[in-house]
Amino acid sequence: MRGAIVLLTRGYPRVEWYEKLIKRNAHIYENFNKNLETQYPLIIFHEGNISQEHQNFIFQYERNADVRFIDISMHFRWPASIPLSAVKDHAFHPGYRLMCAFNCFHIWNYVKDFDYIMRVDEDCLIGELKYDIFKHMEDNSMDYLVSRFSQETHPLTNETLPPVAHSLLGDKWAESDYEQHNLWVPYTNLYVAKTALFLQPEVQEFLLKLTSDERFLTHRWGDHVTMGIILKAFSKPEKVSHIHNFIFYHGSHHCITQDGRAIEGLLSPREAEVFDCVETGKEPNHYIARELQAK
């Protein structure tokens, strides 16, 4: 059984700016890898702008036994056929949209030699995992474990993606499957996936057609909601779950997730309702678990 821990990150002009990545790697070692007989490799995909000098700087702080930097800059070129003027909703910059396309489709070709991958983004710090999560996936015939499920709140995606997904998937997936009352969109900054699920020819064909549609970039059809559609269309509920006995922190959303539940952070009102969280008043859409409010 072959597993790997992956992320897509960026290069920085100054080595001090790799602090988050170095801290992320340290948490993976302390809370997971060091407790295993054989450590799992860390694969760091980057946009071709982490120089050897900067890699050497990162290695100075590295305790994981196997860390690999892989240049995927060929996937970070905005298509000449799509004028930037065609981009809708400028809340998401072009680099973010290309990142979604890589994490949605291109990544699977790079990890095809692994049975399972665990994505842990640069701004994610994992708590202790007292078991081999990849072995757990294999022993229990799981397709996908996620930190928690979320809601897609991007109006343009919600309006335009469902009919396209249905046209590509036919009877496997209906537009009604997109209802947002029940949380089913993976919070993809941290998940564990069986690669064979996403490498199936039918799934690859769907992903290729979806990411080749210029609206994937112009309308920001994210990898998280696309992955949720794939889980509904090609997996089974009993093969998909949240990660048990686990807590982690996601920096950009100030979010703490424990055993599949957000207990603090930036959430949609529906997510807050599902997780029984209340507003803190610290900033818009910031919530905390009701039982933690008084502490």
Protein backbone atom coordinates (compact mmCIF):
# COMPACT_ATOMS: atom_id res chain seq x y z
CA MET A 1 0.00 0.00 0.00
CA ARG A 2 1.47 3.31 -1.13
CA GLY A 3 0.47 6.66 0.32
CA ALA A 4 1.68 10.25 0.04
CA ILE A 5 0.95 13.59 1.67
CA VAL A 6 0.56 16.34 -0.93
CA LEU A 7 -0.02 20.03 -1.44
CA LEU A 8 0.25 22.71 -4.09
CA THR A 9 2.08 25.80 -2.90
CA ARG A 10 3.80 28.86 -4.27
CA GLY A 11 7.32 30.23 -4.21
CA TYR A 12 8.13 33.40 -2.30
CA PRO A 13 10.71 36.16 -2.82
CA ARG A 14 12.06 35.76 0.73
CA VAL A 15 12.88 32.55 2.60
CA GLU A 16 11.21 33.86 5.77
CA TRP A 17 7.87 33.60 4.01
CA TYR A 18 8.06 29.78 4.03
CA GLU A 19 7.31 29.79 7.75
CA LYS A 20 3.79 28.39 7.25
CA LEU A 21 5.01 25.56 5.02
CA ILE A 22 7.79 24.65 7.44
CA LYS A 23 5.36 24.66 10.36
CA ARG A 24 2.87 22.56 8.40
CA ASN A 25 5.56 19.97 7.64
CA ALA A 26 6.66 19.91 11.29
CA HIS A 27 3.11 19.16 12.45
CA ILE A 28 2.86 16.32 9.94
CA TYR A 29 6.05 14.80 11.31
CA GLU A 30 5.28 15.27 15.01
CA ASN A 31 1.63 14.23 14.84
CA PHE A 32 1.74 11.50 12.19
CA ASN A 33 4.89 10.42 10.37
CA LYS A 34 7.24 9.92 13.32
CA ASN A 35 4.87 7.37 14.87
CA LEU A 36 4.99 5.06 11.81
CA GLU A 37 7.40 2.26 10.98
CA THR A 38 7.87 3.77 7.53
CA GLN A 39 7.23 7.45 6.94
CA TYR A 40 5.05 8.57 4.05
CA PRO A 41 6.60 10.98 1.52
CA LEU A 42 5.65 14.64 1.39
CA ILE A 43 5.11 15.84 -2.17
CA ILE A 44 5.25 19.60 -2.67
CA PHE A 45 3.87 20.72 -6.02
CA HIS A 46 4.89 24.26 -6.92
CA GLU A 47 4.55 26.74 -9.73
CA GLY A 48 8.18 26.44 -10.79
CA ASN A 49 9.26 29.28 -8.54
CA ILE A 50 10.73 27.55 -5.49
CA SER A 51 14.41 27.74 -6.32
CA GLN A 52 16.95 25.13 -5.23
CA GLU A 53 18.30 27.67 -2.77
CA HIS A 54 14.87 28.04 -1.19
CA GLN A 55 14.34 24.28 -1.18
CA ASN A 56 17.64 23.89 0.68
CA PHE A 57 16.46 26.47 3.21
CA ILE A 58 13.27 24.48 3.83
CA PHE A 59 15.25 21.24 4.15
CA GLN A 60 17.23 22.77 7.03
CA TYR A 61 14.10 22.53 9.18
CA GLU A 62 12.78 19.26 7.77
CA ARG A 63 12.40 16.12 9.88
CA ASN A 64 10.21 14.09 7.54
CA ALA A 65 12.35 11.44 5.87
CA ASP A 66 11.18 11.96 2.27
CA VAL A 67 10.22 15.37 0.87
CA ARG A 68 9.96 15.92 -2.89
CA PHE A 69 9.52 19.19 -4.78
CA ILE A 70 7.75 18.83 -8.14
CA ASP A 71 7.55 21.66 -10.68
CA ILE A 72 4.08 21.86 -12.24
CA SER A 73 4.53 25.29 -13.86
CA MET A 74 3.25 23.92 -17.17
CA HIS A 75 -0.23 23.95 -15.63
CA PHE A 76 0.06 27.54 -14.40
CA ARG A 77 -0.21 29.35 -17.69
CA TRP A 78 -3.40 31.22 -18.35
CA PRO A 79 -4.83 29.96 -21.69
CA ALA A 80 -4.25 32.39 -24.53
CA SER A 81 -7.72 31.52 -25.82
CA ILE A 82 -9.39 33.02 -22.73
CA PRO A 83 -9.08 36.80 -22.39
CA LEU A 84 -8.86 37.97 -18.80
CA SER A 85 -11.75 40.27 -19.62
CA ALA A 86 -13.92 37.13 -19.77
CA VAL A 87 -13.31 36.38 -16.08
CA LYS A 88 -16.40 36.75 -13.94
CA ASP A 89 -16.37 37.71 -10.27
CA HIS A 90 -12.92 39.19 -9.67
CA ALA A 91 -12.91 38.07 -6.04
CA PHE A 92 -10.83 35.08 -7.26
CA HIS A 93 -7.53 35.90 -8.95
CA PRO A 94 -6.30 33.92 -11.99
CA GLY A 95 -3.75 31.95 -9.95
CA TYR A 96 -6.48 30.68 -7.65
CA ARG A 97 -8.53 29.51 -10.64
CA LEU A 98 -5.54 27.66 -12.11
CA MET A 99 -4.92 26.10 -8.72
CA CYS A 100 -8.48 24.77 -8.72
CA ALA A 101 -7.94 23.23 -12.15
CA PHE A 102 -4.73 21.51 -11.02
CA ASN A 103 -6.28 20.13 -7.84
CA CYS A 104 -9.35 19.04 -9.78
CA PHE A 105 -7.78 17.26 -12.76
CA HIS A 106 -4.02 17.43 -13.32
CA ILE A 107 -3.00 16.21 -9.87
CA TRP A 108 -4.25 12.66 -10.48
CA ASN A 109 -1.70 11.99 -13.21
CA TYR A 110 1.10 13.04 -10.84
CA VAL A 111 -0.03 10.73 -8.03
CA LYS A 112 -1.06 7.70 -10.11
CA ASP A 113 1.70 5.57 -8.56
CA PHE A 114 0.14 5.96 -5.11
CA ASP A 115 -2.88 4.11 -3.77
CA TYR A 116 -3.93 6.99 -1.49
CA ILE A 117 -3.06 10.63 -1.03
CA MET A 118 -3.67 13.00 1.83
CA ARG A 119 -3.88 16.67 0.89
CA VAL A 120 -2.79 19.07 3.62
CA ASP A 121 -2.62 22.66 2.44
CA GLU A 122 0.12 25.08 3.41
CA ASP A 123 -1.97 26.90 6.01
CA CYS A 124 -3.24 23.71 7.68
CA LEU A 125 -1.84 22.35 10.94
CA ILE A 126 -2.85 18.82 11.84
CA GLY A 127 -3.37 17.52 15.34
CA GLU A 128 -2.31 14.05 16.41
CA LEU A 129 -3.32 11.12 14.23
CA LYS A 130 -2.88 8.04 16.40
CA TYR A 131 -3.42 5.61 13.54
CA ASP A 132 -2.14 5.07 10.01
CA ILE A 133 -4.86 6.82 8.05
CA PHE A 134 -3.88 5.20 4.74
CA LYS A 135 -4.02 1.71 6.26
CA HIS A 136 -7.39 2.64 7.75
CA MET A 137 -8.60 3.55 4.25
CA GLU A 138 -7.38 0.24 2.84
CA ASP A 139 -8.66 -1.93 5.71
CA ASN A 140 -12.12 -0.38 5.55
CA SER A 141 -12.43 -0.13 1.75
CA MET A 142 -12.92 3.64 1.92
CA ASP A 143 -12.85 5.93 -1.09
CA TYR A 144 -12.62 9.27 0.67
CA LEU A 145 -12.16 10.80 4.09
CA VAL A 146 -12.60 14.52 4.58
CA SER A 147 -11.96 16.88 7.46
CA ARG A 148 -15.58 18.02 7.21
CA PHE A 149 -18.27 18.79 4.68
CA SER A 150 -19.18 22.33 3.70
CA GLN A 151 -21.53 24.40 1.56
CA GLU A 152 -20.74 25.99 -1.79
CA THR A 153 -21.78 29.63 -1.41
CA HIS A 154 -20.42 31.04 -4.68
CA PRO A 155 -23.54 32.20 -6.61
CA LEU A 156 -21.99 31.98 -10.08
CA THR A 157 -20.89 28.38 -9.49
CA ASN A 158 -24.26 27.42 -8.06
CA GLU A 159 -26.05 28.89 -11.06
CA THR A 160 -23.87 27.55 -13.87
CA LEU A 161 -22.12 24.32 -12.80
CA PRO A 162 -25.10 21.99 -12.11
CA PRO A 163 -26.55 21.91 -15.66
CA VAL A 164 -23.09 21.36 -17.16
CA ALA A 165 -22.30 18.54 -14.72
CA HIS A 166 -25.62 16.88 -15.52
CA SER A 167 -25.05 17.17 -19.26
CA LEU A 168 -21.69 15.41 -18.86
CA LEU A 169 -22.77 12.75 -16.35
CA GLY A 170 -26.29 11.97 -17.55
CA ASP A 171 -28.18 9.53 -15.33
CA LYS A 172 -25.29 9.29 -12.87
CA TRP A 173 -25.98 12.74 -11.46
CA ALA A 174 -29.04 14.99 -11.53
CA GLU A 175 -29.22 18.73 -10.99
CA SER A 176 -31.38 18.03 -7.93
CA ASP A 177 -28.32 16.33 -6.39
CA TYR A 178 -26.85 19.80 -6.05
CA GLU A 179 -29.25 20.89 -3.31
CA GLN A 180 -27.33 22.82 -0.66
CA HIS A 181 -29.43 22.18 2.45
CA ASN A 182 -27.43 19.07 3.30
CA LEU A 183 -23.70 19.63 3.47
CA TRP A 184 -21.93 17.45 0.90
CA VAL A 185 -19.14 19.60 -0.55
CA PRO A 186 -15.74 18.44 0.82
CA TYR A 187 -13.63 21.00 2.67
CA THR A 188 -10.75 20.10 0.38
CA ASN A 189 -7.86 21.88 2.07
CA LEU A 190 -7.51 18.57 3.93
CA TYR A 191 -8.76 15.19 2.71
CA VAL A 192 -7.64 11.61 2.08
CA ALA A 193 -8.56 10.00 -1.25
CA LYS A 194 -8.25 6.65 -2.98
CA THR A 195 -6.55 7.53 -6.23
CA ALA A 196 -8.18 4.69 -8.17
CA LEU A 197 -11.56 6.40 -7.75
CA PHE A 198 -10.35 9.52 -9.56
CA LEU A 199 -8.25 7.65 -12.12
CA GLN A 200 -11.22 5.71 -13.49
CA PRO A 201 -11.52 6.46 -17.23
CA GLU A 202 -15.08 7.73 -16.80
CA VAL A 203 -14.06 10.11 -14.01
CA GLN A 204 -11.00 11.31 -15.93
CA GLU A 205 -13.15 11.96 -19.00
CA PHE A 206 -15.58 14.00 -16.91
CA LEU A 207 -12.78 16.01 -15.29
CA LEU A 208 -11.07 16.64 -18.62
CA LYS A 209 -14.26 17.92 -20.23
CA LEU A 210 -15.14 20.04 -17.20
CA THR A 211 -11.73 21.69 -16.86
CA SER A 212 -11.52 22.18 -20.64
CA ASP A 213 -14.70 24.26 -20.50
CA GLU A 214 -13.51 27.87 -20.26
CA ARG A 215 -16.15 28.51 -17.60
CA PHE A 216 -14.14 26.38 -15.19
CA LEU A 217 -11.71 29.30 -15.09
CA THR A 218 -13.92 32.27 -15.92
CA HIS A 219 -16.71 31.22 -13.54
CA ARG A 220 -14.47 29.69 -10.84
CA TRP A 221 -15.84 26.15 -10.69
CA GLY A 222 -13.78 25.01 -7.71
CA ASP A 223 -12.11 21.67 -7.11
CA HIS A 224 -14.04 21.21 -3.87
CA VAL A 225 -17.52 21.26 -5.38
CA THR A 226 -16.34 19.23 -8.38
CA MET A 227 -14.97 16.60 -6.01
CA GLY A 228 -18.29 16.54 -4.19
CA ILE A 229 -20.10 15.83 -7.45
CA ILE A 230 -17.70 12.96 -8.20
CA LEU A 231 -18.29 11.42 -4.78
CA LYS A 232 -22.04 11.51 -5.35
CA ALA A 233 -21.82 10.13 -8.87
CA PHE A 234 -19.06 7.52 -8.59
CA SER A 235 -18.78 6.46 -4.94
CA LYS A 236 -21.18 5.22 -2.27
CA PRO A 237 -22.16 6.89 1.03
CA GLU A 238 -20.64 4.08 3.08
CA LYS A 239 -17.26 4.66 1.40
CA VAL A 240 -17.15 8.37 2.23
CA SER A 241 -16.79 9.80 5.73
CA HIS A 242 -15.03 12.40 7.84
CA ILE A 243 -11.71 11.72 9.56
CA HIS A 244 -12.33 10.34 13.03
CA ASN A 245 -10.35 11.15 16.18
CA PHE A 246 -8.80 14.15 14.50
CA ILE A 247 -8.51 17.92 14.89
CA PHE A 248 -6.85 20.48 12.64
CA TYR A 249 -6.56 24.21 12.09
CA HIS A 250 -7.06 25.97 8.74
CA GLY A 251 -5.36 29.35 8.87
CA SER A 252 -7.00 31.32 6.05
CA HIS A 253 -10.49 30.62 7.44
CA HIS A 254 -9.39 30.76 11.10
CA CYS A 255 -11.20 27.46 11.33
CA ILE A 256 -10.78 24.61 13.81
CA THR A 257 -12.37 21.33 12.76
CA GLN A 258 -12.75 18.37 15.10
CA ASP A 259 -14.14 14.96 14.16
CA GLY A 260 -15.97 16.26 11.12
CA ARG A 261 -17.40 19.35 12.80
CA ALA A 262 -16.32 22.98 12.58
CA ILE A 263 -16.03 24.26 16.13
CA GLU A 264 -14.73 27.74 15.31
CA GLY A 265 -14.03 29.82 12.22
CA LEU A 266 -15.49 31.51 9.17
CA LEU A 267 -18.65 29.67 8.15
CA SER A 268 -21.80 30.17 6.12
CA PRO A 269 -24.99 30.58 8.17
CA ARG A 270 -26.10 27.11 7.04
CA GLU A 271 -22.81 25.53 8.13
CA ALA A 272 -23.10 27.27 11.49
CA GLU A 273 -26.61 25.90 11.88
CA VAL A 274 -25.56 22.33 11.05
CA PHE A 275 -22.57 22.46 13.40
CA ASP A 276 -24.54 24.29 16.13
CA CYS A 277 -22.26 27.32 16.19
CA VAL A 278 -23.06 30.89 17.17
CA GLU A 279 -21.66 34.22 16.00
CA THR A 280 -18.70 35.61 17.94
CA GLY A 281 -18.81 39.21 16.66
CA LYS A 282 -15.03 39.10 16.07
CA GLU A 283 -15.53 39.52 12.31
CA PRO A 284 -18.32 38.88 9.80
CA ASN A 285 -19.33 35.20 9.53
CA HIS A 286 -17.09 34.12 12.39
CA TYR A 287 -18.72 31.47 14.57
CA ILE A 288 -17.88 29.24 17.52
CA ALA A 289 -19.46 26.05 18.84
CA ARG A 290 -22.28 26.88 21.22
CA GLU A 291 -20.78 24.87 24.07
CA LEU A 292 -17.49 26.77 23.71
CA GLN A 293 -19.06 30.23 23.65
CA ALA A 294 -19.00 30.75 27.39
CA LYS A 295 -15.44 29.47 27.90
